[in-house]
Protein backbone atom coordinates (compact mmCIF):
# COMPACT_ATOMS: atom_id res chain seq x y z
CA MET A 1 -0.06 -0.24 -0.07
CA PRO A 2 1.50 3.54 -0.89
CA THR A 3 2.35 5.57 1.83
CA THR A 4 1.08 9.05 1.87
CA GLY A 5 3.76 10.73 0.22
CA ASN A 6 3.58 8.57 -2.51
CA LYS A 7 0.10 9.03 -3.72
CA TRP A 8 0.67 12.60 -5.11
CA TRP A 9 4.14 11.67 -7.12
CA THR A 10 1.57 8.58 -8.59
CA LEU A 11 -0.37 11.02 -9.67
CA VAL A 12 1.89 13.33 -11.39
CA ALA A 13 3.67 10.31 -13.16
CA VAL A 14 0.17 8.91 -14.39
CA CYS A 15 -0.92 12.43 -15.57
CA LEU A 16 2.28 13.04 -17.41
CA GLY A 17 2.02 9.65 -19.34
CA THR A 18 -1.67 10.36 -19.81
CA PHE A 19 -0.85 13.92 -21.35
CA MET A 20 1.99 12.28 -23.58
CA LEU A 21 -0.57 9.60 -24.76
CA LEU A 22 -3.79 11.71 -25.64
CA LEU A 23 -1.68 14.63 -26.82
CA ASP A 24 -0.29 12.34 -29.46
CA ILE A 25 -3.73 10.85 -30.81
CA THR A 26 -4.70 14.20 -31.28
CA ILE A 27 -1.65 15.92 -32.29
CA VAL A 28 -0.96 14.02 -35.01
CA ASN A 29 -3.84 14.47 -37.39
CA VAL A 30 -2.58 18.34 -38.80
CA ALA A 31 0.65 17.17 -39.13
CA LEU A 32 -0.61 14.13 -41.86
CA PRO A 33 -0.30 16.38 -45.03
CA ASP A 34 2.96 17.58 -44.20
CA ILE A 35 3.83 13.80 -43.34
CA GLN A 36 2.55 12.65 -46.43
CA SER A 37 4.41 15.55 -48.82
CA SER A 38 7.57 14.42 -46.83
CA LEU A 39 7.89 10.75 -47.14
CA HIS A 40 5.71 10.79 -50.28
CA ALA A 41 3.18 8.44 -48.92
CA SER A 42 -0.04 7.66 -50.40
CA PHE A 43 -3.80 7.94 -49.16
CA SER A 44 -3.64 4.46 -47.72
CA ASP A 45 -0.07 5.06 -46.11
CA LEU A 46 -1.77 8.17 -44.16
CA GLN A 47 -4.33 5.93 -42.99
CA TRP A 48 -1.77 3.17 -41.57
CA VAL A 49 -0.14 5.88 -39.93
CA VAL A 50 -3.23 6.54 -37.54
CA ASP A 51 -4.68 2.78 -38.00
CA ALA A 52 -1.22 1.12 -37.30
CA TYR A 53 -1.42 2.69 -33.52
CA ALA A 54 -4.97 2.21 -33.18
CA LEU A 55 -4.50 -1.50 -33.89
CA THR A 56 -1.96 -2.44 -31.64
CA LEU A 57 -3.64 -0.12 -28.84
CA ALA A 58 -6.95 -2.40 -29.42
CA ALA A 59 -5.16 -5.83 -29.70
CA LEU A 60 -2.72 -5.27 -26.44
CA LEU A 61 -5.07 -3.81 -24.07
CA LEU A 62 -6.84 -6.14 -22.14
CA THR A 63 -3.63 -8.46 -22.40
CA ALA A 64 -1.49 -5.80 -20.95
CA GLY A 65 -3.61 -5.24 -18.24
CA SER A 66 -3.39 -9.23 -17.11
CA LEU A 67 0.15 -9.13 -17.37
CA ALA A 68 0.58 -5.83 -15.06
CA ASP A 69 -1.95 -7.68 -12.66
CA LEU A 70 0.84 -10.38 -12.51
CA PHE A 71 3.89 -8.56 -12.44
CA GLY A 72 3.37 -5.48 -10.73
CA ARG A 73 1.77 -2.20 -12.25
CA ARG A 74 4.64 0.10 -11.99
CA ARG A 75 6.62 -2.25 -13.52
CA LEU A 76 4.24 -2.43 -16.43
CA TYR A 77 3.76 1.27 -16.65
CA VAL A 78 7.37 2.14 -16.62
CA ILE A 79 7.95 -0.49 -19.34
CA GLY A 80 5.15 1.27 -21.37
CA LEU A 81 6.37 4.48 -20.76
CA ILE A 82 9.90 3.85 -22.30
CA ILE A 83 8.14 1.76 -24.95
CA PHE A 84 6.15 4.96 -26.07
CA THR A 85 9.07 7.11 -25.30
CA ALA A 86 11.02 5.31 -27.45
CA ALA A 87 9.02 4.68 -30.01
CA SER A 88 8.08 8.60 -30.43
CA LEU A 89 12.04 8.88 -31.10
CA LEU A 90 11.81 6.35 -33.69
CA CYS A 91 8.80 8.10 -35.20
CA GLY A 92 10.33 11.48 -35.19
CA VAL A 93 13.53 10.48 -37.27
CA SER A 94 11.59 8.04 -39.82
CA GLY A 95 12.84 8.37 -43.37
CA THR A 96 10.30 6.36 -44.87
CA ILE A 97 6.35 5.72 -44.60
CA LEU A 98 7.36 2.22 -43.62
CA LEU A 99 9.39 3.11 -40.85
CA LEU A 100 6.81 5.61 -39.26
CA GLN A 101 3.89 3.08 -39.56
CA LEU A 102 5.99 0.48 -37.69
CA ALA A 103 6.98 3.17 -35.20
CA ARG A 104 3.94 4.31 -34.85
CA ALA A 105 2.39 0.13 -33.98
CA LEU A 106 5.41 0.28 -31.43
CA GLN A 107 3.83 3.41 -29.81
CA GLY A 108 0.35 1.64 -29.58
CA VAL A 109 2.14 -1.51 -27.84
CA GLY A 110 3.40 1.39 -25.19
CA GLY A 111 0.59 3.00 -25.39
CA ALA A 112 -1.52 0.09 -24.49
CA ILE A 113 0.06 -0.69 -21.60
CA MET A 114 -0.01 2.71 -20.19
CA PHE A 115 -3.65 2.88 -20.67
CA SER A 116 -4.22 -0.85 -19.22
CA VAL A 117 -1.79 0.32 -16.06
CA SER A 118 -2.76 4.16 -15.32
CA LEU A 119 -5.66 4.43 -13.54
CA ALA A 120 -5.43 1.29 -11.45
CA LEU A 121 -2.24 2.79 -10.06
CA LEU A 122 -4.42 5.84 -9.36
CA ALA A 123 -7.13 3.63 -8.15
CA ASP A 124 -4.57 1.54 -5.52
CA ALA A 125 -2.68 4.57 -4.48
CA PHE A 126 -5.60 7.19 -3.46
CA ARG A 127 -8.81 6.27 -0.99
CA GLY A 128 -11.86 8.23 -0.15
CA LYS A 129 -12.42 12.05 -1.29
CA ASP A 130 -8.42 12.26 -2.38
CA ARG A 131 -9.53 9.61 -4.85
CA GLY A 132 -12.10 11.87 -6.20
CA THR A 133 -9.51 14.93 -6.33
CA ALA A 134 -7.21 12.68 -8.42
CA PHE A 135 -9.60 11.48 -10.57
CA GLY A 136 -10.67 15.00 -11.28
CA VAL A 137 -7.42 16.30 -12.05
CA TRP A 138 -6.82 13.22 -14.36
CA GLY A 139 -9.95 14.14 -16.06
CA ALA A 140 -8.93 17.85 -16.48
CA ILE A 141 -5.68 16.90 -17.57
CA THR A 142 -7.05 14.59 -20.18
CA GLY A 143 -9.25 17.34 -21.50
CA LEU A 144 -6.90 19.74 -21.87
CA ALA A 145 -4.37 16.91 -24.09
CA VAL A 146 -7.31 16.80 -26.03
CA ALA A 147 -8.16 20.08 -26.50
CA ILE A 148 -4.67 21.31 -27.23
CA GLY A 149 -3.45 18.91 -29.65
CA PRO A 150 -4.51 20.00 -32.75
CA LEU A 151 -3.31 23.91 -32.03
CA LEU A 152 -0.06 22.30 -30.73
CA GLY A 153 0.49 19.98 -33.29
CA GLY A 154 -0.04 22.85 -36.20
CA ALA A 155 2.39 25.44 -33.95
CA LEU A 156 5.24 22.39 -33.76
CA THR A 157 4.48 21.33 -37.42
CA SER A 158 4.09 25.01 -39.20
CA GLY A 159 7.33 25.91 -36.91
CA LEU A 160 9.64 23.74 -36.50
CA SER A 161 8.59 20.41 -38.69
CA TRP A 162 6.44 17.42 -38.23
CA ARG A 163 8.81 15.49 -36.84
CA TRP A 164 8.41 17.37 -33.81
CA ILE A 165 5.12 16.33 -33.12
CA PHE A 166 6.59 13.33 -31.69
CA PHE A 167 10.07 14.59 -30.42
CA VAL A 168 7.84 16.68 -27.78
CA ASN A 169 7.11 13.24 -26.15
CA LEU A 170 10.71 12.57 -25.04
CA PRO A 171 10.70 14.97 -22.35
CA PHE A 172 7.46 13.83 -20.86
CA GLY A 173 8.58 10.40 -21.09
CA ILE A 174 11.62 10.79 -19.50
CA LEU A 175 10.38 12.64 -16.44
CA ALA A 176 7.30 10.08 -15.99
CA VAL A 177 9.99 7.36 -15.89
CA ALA A 178 12.07 8.89 -13.17
CA ILE A 179 9.18 9.82 -11.13
CA ALA A 180 7.57 5.88 -11.57
CA LEU A 181 10.77 4.85 -10.58
CA THR A 182 11.43 6.51 -7.57
CA LYS A 183 8.39 7.69 -6.40
CA VAL A 184 5.47 5.26 -7.00
CA VAL A 185 5.09 1.96 -4.90
CA GLU A 186 4.95 -1.13 -6.80
CA SER A 187 1.08 -2.97 -6.61
CA LYS A 188 0.24 -6.40 -8.07
CA SER A 189 -3.15 -8.01 -7.81
CA PRO A 190 -3.91 -11.55 -5.40
CA GLN A 191 -6.26 -12.64 -7.86
CA ALA A 192 -4.10 -12.39 -11.06
CA HIS A 193 -3.57 -14.97 -13.72
CA GLN A 194 -1.97 -15.66 -16.97
CA PRO A 195 -2.66 -13.93 -20.05
CA ASP A 196 -5.37 -15.39 -22.70
CA TRP A 197 -2.54 -15.81 -25.17
CA LEU A 198 -4.89 -17.61 -27.83
CA GLY A 199 -7.72 -15.05 -27.59
CA PHE A 200 -5.22 -12.39 -28.20
CA ALA A 201 -3.89 -13.98 -31.18
CA LEU A 202 -6.95 -14.48 -32.70
CA PHE A 203 -8.83 -11.22 -32.51
CA THR A 204 -5.14 -9.93 -33.17
CA ALA A 205 -5.42 -11.50 -36.50
CA ALA A 206 -8.78 -10.88 -36.73
CA LEU A 207 -9.09 -7.39 -36.30
CA ALA A 208 -5.62 -6.52 -38.56
CA SER A 209 -7.14 -8.98 -41.57
CA LEU A 210 -10.35 -6.72 -41.18
CA VAL A 211 -8.18 -3.24 -41.49
CA TYR A 212 -5.93 -4.44 -44.36
CA GLY A 213 -8.84 -5.71 -46.15
CA LEU A 214 -10.47 -2.46 -45.89
CA ILE A 215 -7.84 -0.04 -46.82
CA GLU A 216 -6.48 -2.66 -49.95
CA SER A 217 -10.01 -2.34 -51.50
CA ASN A 218 -9.03 1.67 -51.77
CA GLN A 219 -6.13 0.49 -54.25
CA LYS A 220 -7.91 -2.67 -55.51
CA SER A 221 -11.96 -3.31 -55.23
CA PHE A 222 -14.12 -5.53 -52.92
CA GLY A 223 -13.79 -7.75 -55.92
CA SER A 224 -10.18 -8.35 -55.87
CA GLY A 225 -9.18 -12.05 -54.13
CA VAL A 226 -6.78 -10.31 -51.86
CA VAL A 227 -9.30 -8.15 -50.20
CA ILE A 228 -11.83 -10.78 -50.19
CA GLY A 229 -9.36 -13.56 -48.78
CA CYS A 230 -8.94 -10.74 -45.87
CA LEU A 231 -12.63 -10.22 -45.12
CA ILE A 232 -13.46 -14.13 -44.95
CA ALA A 233 -10.35 -14.41 -42.96
CA ALA A 234 -11.44 -11.66 -40.56
CA ALA A 235 -14.86 -13.42 -40.40
CA VAL A 236 -13.52 -17.16 -39.09
CA LEU A 237 -10.50 -15.57 -37.40
CA LEU A 238 -13.34 -13.39 -35.07
CA LEU A 239 -15.70 -16.79 -34.90
CA ALA A 240 -12.89 -18.60 -33.28
CA PHE A 241 -11.96 -15.70 -31.23
CA VAL A 242 -15.68 -16.12 -29.64
CA ALA A 243 -15.77 -19.81 -29.42
CA VAL A 244 -12.03 -19.85 -27.62
CA GLU A 245 -13.05 -17.22 -25.03
CA LEU A 246 -16.71 -19.04 -24.34
CA ARG A 247 -14.87 -21.76 -23.93
CA GLY A 248 -11.78 -20.30 -21.52
CA ARG A 249 -11.63 -20.45 -18.13
CA HIS A 250 -9.92 -16.84 -18.01
CA PRO A 251 -11.14 -15.40 -21.20
CA MET A 252 -9.57 -11.89 -22.52
CA PHE A 253 -13.21 -11.03 -23.09
CA ASP A 254 -15.92 -12.07 -20.85
CA LEU A 255 -18.59 -12.79 -23.24
CA SER A 256 -21.59 -12.68 -20.76
CA LEU A 257 -21.09 -8.96 -19.95
CA PHE A 258 -22.77 -8.55 -23.12
CA ARG A 259 -26.10 -9.87 -21.60
CA LEU A 260 -26.12 -6.94 -19.66
CA PRO A 261 -27.94 -4.33 -22.31
CA THR A 262 -26.05 -1.14 -20.22
CA PHE A 263 -22.77 -2.73 -21.15
CA SER A 264 -23.62 -3.27 -24.32
CA GLY A 265 -25.21 -0.18 -24.93
CA GLY A 266 -22.23 1.57 -23.66
CA ALA A 267 -19.78 -0.20 -26.11
CA VAL A 268 -22.06 0.59 -29.20
CA ALA A 269 -21.25 4.08 -28.01
CA ALA A 270 -18.02 4.00 -27.70
CA PHE A 271 -17.77 2.33 -31.19
CA GLY A 272 -19.89 4.63 -33.03
CA LEU A 273 -18.49 7.88 -31.25
CA SER A 274 -15.02 6.52 -32.47
CA ALA A 275 -16.30 5.46 -36.23
CA SER A 276 -17.84 8.72 -36.76
CA ILE A 277 -16.50 11.55 -35.69
CA PHE A 278 -12.83 11.16 -34.66
CA SER A 279 -12.34 8.81 -37.87
CA LEU A 280 -13.65 11.84 -39.83
CA LEU A 281 -10.74 14.33 -38.24
CA LEU A 282 -8.09 12.83 -40.44
CA TYR A 283 -10.53 13.82 -43.75
CA LEU A 284 -11.51 17.08 -42.31
CA VAL A 285 -8.01 17.92 -41.65
CA LEU A 286 -6.95 16.72 -45.25
CA TYR A 287 -10.01 18.95 -46.86
CA LEU A 288 -8.71 21.91 -44.61
CA GLN A 289 -5.50 21.80 -45.69
CA ASP A 290 -5.15 20.34 -49.26
CA ILE A 291 -7.99 21.60 -50.73
CA LEU A 292 -8.56 25.23 -49.05
CA GLY A 293 -4.51 25.65 -48.65
CA PHE A 294 -4.46 26.08 -44.64
CA GLY A 295 -1.42 25.24 -43.09
CA ALA A 296 -0.92 23.28 -40.22
CA LEU A 297 -1.21 25.93 -37.72
CA ALA A 298 -4.13 27.28 -39.22
CA THR A 299 -5.63 24.09 -39.05
CA GLY A 300 -5.16 23.43 -35.50
CA LEU A 301 -6.69 27.00 -34.69
CA ARG A 302 -10.01 26.29 -36.94
CA LEU A 303 -10.47 22.75 -34.77
CA LEU A 304 -10.39 24.52 -31.76
CA VAL A 305 -13.92 25.42 -32.21
CA LEU A 306 -14.56 21.46 -32.14
CA SER A 307 -12.41 21.59 -28.94
CA GLY A 308 -14.31 24.25 -27.48
CA GLY A 309 -17.43 22.50 -27.79
CA ILE A 310 -16.37 19.25 -26.21
CA LEU A 311 -14.63 21.27 -23.14
CA ALA A 312 -17.54 23.44 -22.68
CA THR A 313 -20.30 20.53 -22.35
CA SER A 314 -18.07 18.08 -20.76
CA ALA A 315 -18.32 20.19 -17.55
CA ILE A 316 -21.45 20.54 -17.69
CA ALA A 317 -22.10 16.91 -18.47
CA GLY A 318 -19.26 15.69 -15.54
CA ARG A 319 -21.61 17.55 -13.10
CA LEU A 320 -24.95 16.14 -14.60
CA THR A 321 -23.57 12.34 -14.48
CA SER A 322 -24.55 12.05 -10.73
CA HIS A 323 -28.13 13.70 -11.44
CA VAL A 324 -29.17 12.71 -14.45
CA PRO A 325 -29.66 9.12 -15.81
CA VAL A 326 -26.82 8.95 -18.43
CA ARG A 327 -28.75 7.49 -20.78
CA PHE A 328 -30.13 11.12 -21.32
CA LEU A 329 -26.50 11.91 -21.59
CA ILE A 330 -24.89 9.32 -24.10
CA GLY A 331 -28.12 9.32 -26.46
CA PRO A 332 -28.19 13.04 -26.96
CA GLY A 333 -24.81 13.19 -27.22
CA LEU A 334 -24.72 10.90 -30.19
CA LEU A 335 -27.50 12.69 -31.74
CA LEU A 336 -25.43 15.92 -31.43
CA VAL A 337 -22.64 14.51 -32.95
CA GLY A 338 -24.83 13.11 -35.78
CA ILE A 339 -26.81 16.29 -36.75
CA GLY A 340 -23.27 18.33 -36.37
CA LEU A 341 -22.19 15.79 -39.28
CA LEU A 342 -24.91 16.32 -41.36
CA LEU A 343 -24.48 20.03 -40.94
CA MET A 344 -20.88 19.80 -42.13
CA ARG A 345 -22.46 18.24 -45.39
CA GLY A 346 -23.48 20.25 -48.78
CA LEU A 347 -19.72 21.05 -49.61
CA SER A 348 -18.71 22.22 -52.97
CA ALA A 349 -15.71 23.83 -54.78
CA THR A 350 -16.26 27.04 -53.80
CA SER A 351 -16.91 26.33 -50.16
CA THR A 352 -14.87 28.28 -47.22
CA TRP A 353 -14.15 26.28 -43.82
CA THR A 354 -16.84 28.62 -41.92
CA HIS A 355 -19.44 26.17 -43.71
CA LEU A 356 -17.98 23.36 -41.34
CA VAL A 357 -18.39 25.61 -38.23
CA PRO A 358 -22.06 25.14 -36.90
CA GLY A 359 -21.29 21.15 -37.45
CA LEU A 360 -18.10 21.52 -35.92
CA ILE A 361 -19.46 23.23 -32.87
CA ILE A 362 -22.58 20.86 -32.39
CA SER A 363 -20.66 17.70 -32.66
CA GLY A 364 -17.82 18.67 -30.16
CA ALA A 365 -21.05 19.90 -27.98
CA GLY A 366 -22.26 16.04 -28.29
CA VAL A 367 -18.50 14.42 -27.80
CA GLY A 368 -18.37 16.54 -24.40
CA MET A 369 -21.86 15.42 -23.11
CA ILE A 370 -21.33 11.76 -24.16
CA ASN A 371 -17.23 11.31 -22.59
CA PRO A 372 -17.92 11.74 -18.67
CA PRO A 373 -20.84 9.38 -18.40
CA LEU A 374 -19.36 6.86 -20.83
CA ALA A 375 -15.97 6.39 -19.23
CA SER A 376 -18.12 4.94 -16.15
CA THR A 377 -20.56 3.29 -18.10
CA ALA A 378 -18.89 -0.36 -18.54
CA VAL A 379 -17.56 -0.32 -14.73
CA GLY A 380 -20.70 0.98 -13.15
CA VAL A 381 -22.78 -2.36 -14.17
CA VAL A 382 -20.27 -5.14 -13.43
CA ARG A 383 -19.12 -6.34 -10.05
CA PRO A 384 -15.78 -4.70 -8.71
CA GLN A 385 -13.36 -7.62 -9.90
CA GLN A 386 -14.61 -7.24 -13.30
CA ALA A 387 -14.08 -3.63 -13.48
CA GLY A 388 -10.75 -3.66 -15.05
CA MET A 389 -11.58 -6.26 -17.96
CA ALA A 390 -15.06 -4.01 -18.69
CA SER A 391 -13.15 -0.40 -18.97
CA GLY A 392 -10.72 -2.04 -20.98
CA ILE A 393 -13.58 -3.60 -23.08
CA SER A 394 -14.90 -0.26 -23.91
CA SER A 395 -11.79 1.53 -24.73
CA THR A 396 -11.12 -1.63 -27.14
CA PHE A 397 -14.39 -0.57 -28.59
CA ARG A 398 -13.17 2.62 -28.93
CA GLN A 399 -9.80 2.18 -30.57
CA VAL A 400 -11.88 -0.91 -33.07
CA GLY A 401 -14.20 2.12 -33.80
CA ILE A 402 -10.95 4.24 -34.73
CA ALA A 403 -9.10 1.46 -36.92
CA THR A 404 -12.35 0.48 -39.09
CA GLY A 405 -13.62 3.71 -39.28
CA ILE A 406 -10.75 5.32 -40.65
CA ALA A 407 -10.33 2.48 -43.24
CA LEU A 408 -13.99 2.15 -44.11
CA LEU A 409 -14.65 6.18 -44.86
CA GLY A 410 -11.43 5.58 -46.59
CA THR A 411 -12.48 3.08 -49.29
CA LEU A 412 -16.02 5.16 -49.57
CA PHE A 413 -14.09 7.93 -49.90
CA ALA A 414 -11.55 7.02 -52.79
CA SER A 415 -14.23 5.19 -54.82
CA GLN A 416 -16.54 8.53 -55.00
CA VAL A 417 -13.16 10.79 -55.88
CA LYS A 418 -11.90 8.41 -58.29
CA SER A 419 -15.53 8.22 -60.19
CA TYR A 420 -16.23 12.01 -59.52
CA VAL A 421 -12.92 12.56 -61.63
CA VAL A 422 -12.60 10.55 -64.02
CA ASP A 423 -16.51 10.90 -65.47
CA HIS A 424 -15.55 14.84 -65.37
CA VAL A 425 -11.91 14.46 -66.67
CA ALA A 426 -13.17 12.58 -69.64
CA GLY A 427 -15.15 15.96 -70.90
CA VAL A 428 -11.82 18.31 -70.75
CA PRO A 429 -10.09 18.43 -73.91
CA GLY A 430 -6.89 16.28 -74.29
CA LEU A 431 -7.42 15.13 -70.93
CA SER A 432 -9.63 11.97 -71.19
CA GLY A 433 -6.99 9.19 -70.61
CA ARG A 434 -5.42 11.03 -67.42
CA GLY A 435 -8.66 10.70 -65.41
CA PRO A 436 -7.14 8.06 -63.01
CA GLU A 437 -3.77 9.77 -62.85
CA ILE A 438 -5.43 13.04 -61.57
CA ALA A 439 -7.80 10.93 -58.78
CA THR A 440 -4.50 9.40 -57.24
CA ALA A 441 -2.81 12.81 -57.06
CA VAL A 442 -6.11 13.88 -55.21
CA GLN A 443 -6.01 11.00 -52.90
CA SER A 444 -2.05 11.67 -52.58
CA GLY A 445 -2.17 15.24 -51.69
CA THR A 446 -0.07 15.88 -54.80
CA ILE A 447 -2.65 17.50 -57.11
CA LYS A 448 -0.82 21.06 -57.03
CA GLN A 449 2.18 19.38 -58.74
CA THR A 450 -0.10 17.42 -61.30
CA ILE A 451 -2.02 20.46 -62.20
CA ALA A 452 1.18 22.43 -62.48
CA SER A 453 2.10 19.67 -65.16
CA LEU A 454 -0.78 20.04 -67.39
CA PRO A 455 -1.33 22.20 -70.11
CA PRO A 456 -2.13 25.61 -69.30
CA ALA A 457 -5.56 26.25 -71.00
CA ASN A 458 -6.75 22.74 -68.53
CA ARG A 459 -5.21 23.84 -64.81
CA ALA A 460 -8.31 26.27 -63.91
CA ASP A 461 -10.85 23.17 -65.13
CA VAL A 462 -9.15 20.48 -63.72
CA GLY A 463 -8.33 22.37 -60.39
CA GLU A 464 -12.21 23.04 -59.81
CA ILE A 465 -12.69 19.24 -60.90
CA THR A 466 -10.63 18.02 -58.30
CA LYS A 467 -12.22 20.16 -55.62
CA ALA A 468 -15.34 19.42 -56.07
CA ALA A 469 -14.44 15.67 -56.12
CA PHE A 470 -12.54 15.71 -52.97
CA THR A 471 -15.61 17.89 -51.43
CA SER A 472 -18.29 15.22 -53.14
CA GLY A 473 -16.06 12.34 -51.26
CA LEU A 474 -15.92 14.28 -48.07
CA ASN A 475 -19.88 14.91 -48.41
CA GLU A 476 -20.54 11.01 -48.70
CA ILE A 477 -18.31 9.79 -46.14
CA LEU A 478 -19.94 12.58 -43.98
CA LEU A 479 -23.36 11.47 -43.90
CA VAL A 480 -22.30 7.63 -43.61
CA GLY A 481 -20.10 8.90 -40.20
CA ALA A 482 -23.82 10.58 -39.37
CA VAL A 483 -25.41 7.32 -39.80
CA VAL A 484 -23.25 5.37 -37.63
CA ALA A 485 -23.87 8.09 -34.93
CA LEU A 486 -27.29 8.01 -35.11
CA VAL A 487 -27.97 4.58 -35.09
CA ALA A 488 -25.38 4.34 -32.44
CA ALA A 489 -27.57 7.15 -30.59
CA VAL A 490 -31.01 4.86 -30.89
CA ILE A 491 -29.35 1.78 -29.57
CA SER A 492 -27.22 3.14 -26.65
CA PHE A 493 -30.79 5.50 -25.71
CA SER A 494 -32.70 2.23 -25.78
CA THR A 495 -30.38 -0.26 -24.14
CA ILE A 496 -28.80 1.56 -21.11
CA ARG A 497 -30.59 1.25 -18.29
CA SER A 498 -30.69 2.99 -14.76
CA LYS A 499 -31.73 -0.08 -12.92
CA ASP A 500 -28.48 -1.94 -14.18
CA PHE A 501 -26.36 0.74 -12.14
CA ALA A 502 -29.04 0.11 -9.11
CA GLN A 503 -28.45 -3.56 -8.88
CA GLN A 504 -24.55 -3.49 -7.98
CA HIS A 505 -23.53 -3.70 -4.59
CA GLU A 506 -24.83 -0.91 -2.55
CA GLY A 507 -23.65 1.57 -4.92
CA GLN A 508 -19.95 0.53 -4.39
CA PRO A 509 -18.08 2.17 -7.36
CA ALA A 510 -16.19 -0.74 -9.22
CA GLU A 511 -13.27 1.42 -10.33
CA ALA A 512 -12.28 4.18 -12.25
CA PRO A 513 -12.41 4.33 -15.86
CA VAL A 514 -9.86 4.03 -18.20
CA PRO A 515 -8.90 6.86 -20.63
CA ALA A 516 -10.95 7.90 -23.47
């Protein structure tokens, strides 16, 4: 049991790691166009820069928690910090897009360990009123990281280089490791058991096959043998995973938890939130920079509209959580996200960024309503000894939503852009055969160079076509994202029930949730 003198240092160490981790999630988006240009990356390459991180994070989250219970939470937290910090250095020095993707995957490994351990450290160090204070401070730090991520990423990318969005992690990581090693007391779980390695392998392979198949369909088609093979493999592996989890003594996913309507509703809400607004951020950033011509810093400033909406309503939602049934926050919050995404539609070649403002504000307000109650929904309806797995499953659904959302939206976006460009370029004299090349340039962020290589008489027409193609693709995936959010709103509102919380042991809190 930590001493009184250690617990506040534990809070500092956890907050440093959490700040670094969440900052890195939001800071990367605004740098992607610069990464694309610097490393000559394709559109699918950019998807993997984001998805490589989300995949390893989703796959390892629950396994890392089991290892921490078995070998020591402080030990695993330090290992996670070291891996994440070293991977950040590798990201910053990457000379090829493949190395960056591999380093991002390594960041996900470190991030999964930190995610799974950080709040367990706080729960072990703090009791009573101090625990509420500690989680309040931690919550403020997470909100700050999410809010300033796009702005800081834009400032670093514009003022220095995209590489500094990763280098900025180094001092935080080194300081957090030093504090954890010298000030944090070790803790383990007396009920710890060996990780479910077979479940981990099957889940990882299934998720990787699914995402790879979806991203490959950008370059090929859904009728491609590779794509069909990946999707079939994903389905078979997922079925095998379910069979293993149902029979295992200590499963990675206790599937019986999904018999609780509120737990299932919370999982759907976590997935829907990530698969909609958070997956669409990549494409909104590409629109602001590649089509409207804003720099990284200017893009970060404009995304503060979204961050401001999140911060404004999250503070209110946090106070309402103990007074209002959470279904009246999560369901309507997802409804606002869906409405906000619908309001962003209607873009054209002549639209300005202000067209997005109402939708960004409303979507941000919806996200702010969802995050505080969603964080506690999973753990609020299970026994205390299941809290770690329940919160881990909730966070896993968030990361799976990001990974699959970006991949699927990217496939739809690429298909719409290519179809629009090929159809309209065919009508430009002398360019009938260059449609696929121009469509590829739109997706890869090299459209300015491609237009410059065209005959002067064609440049203006092609410029208008490519802008219209991009906005046409963006309008389509905004609609898909809105549908995802609205369906998740209906499901979560109808399945999350107050009586599931009331049935827990005399209202005893299970444990703190893991980060969003």
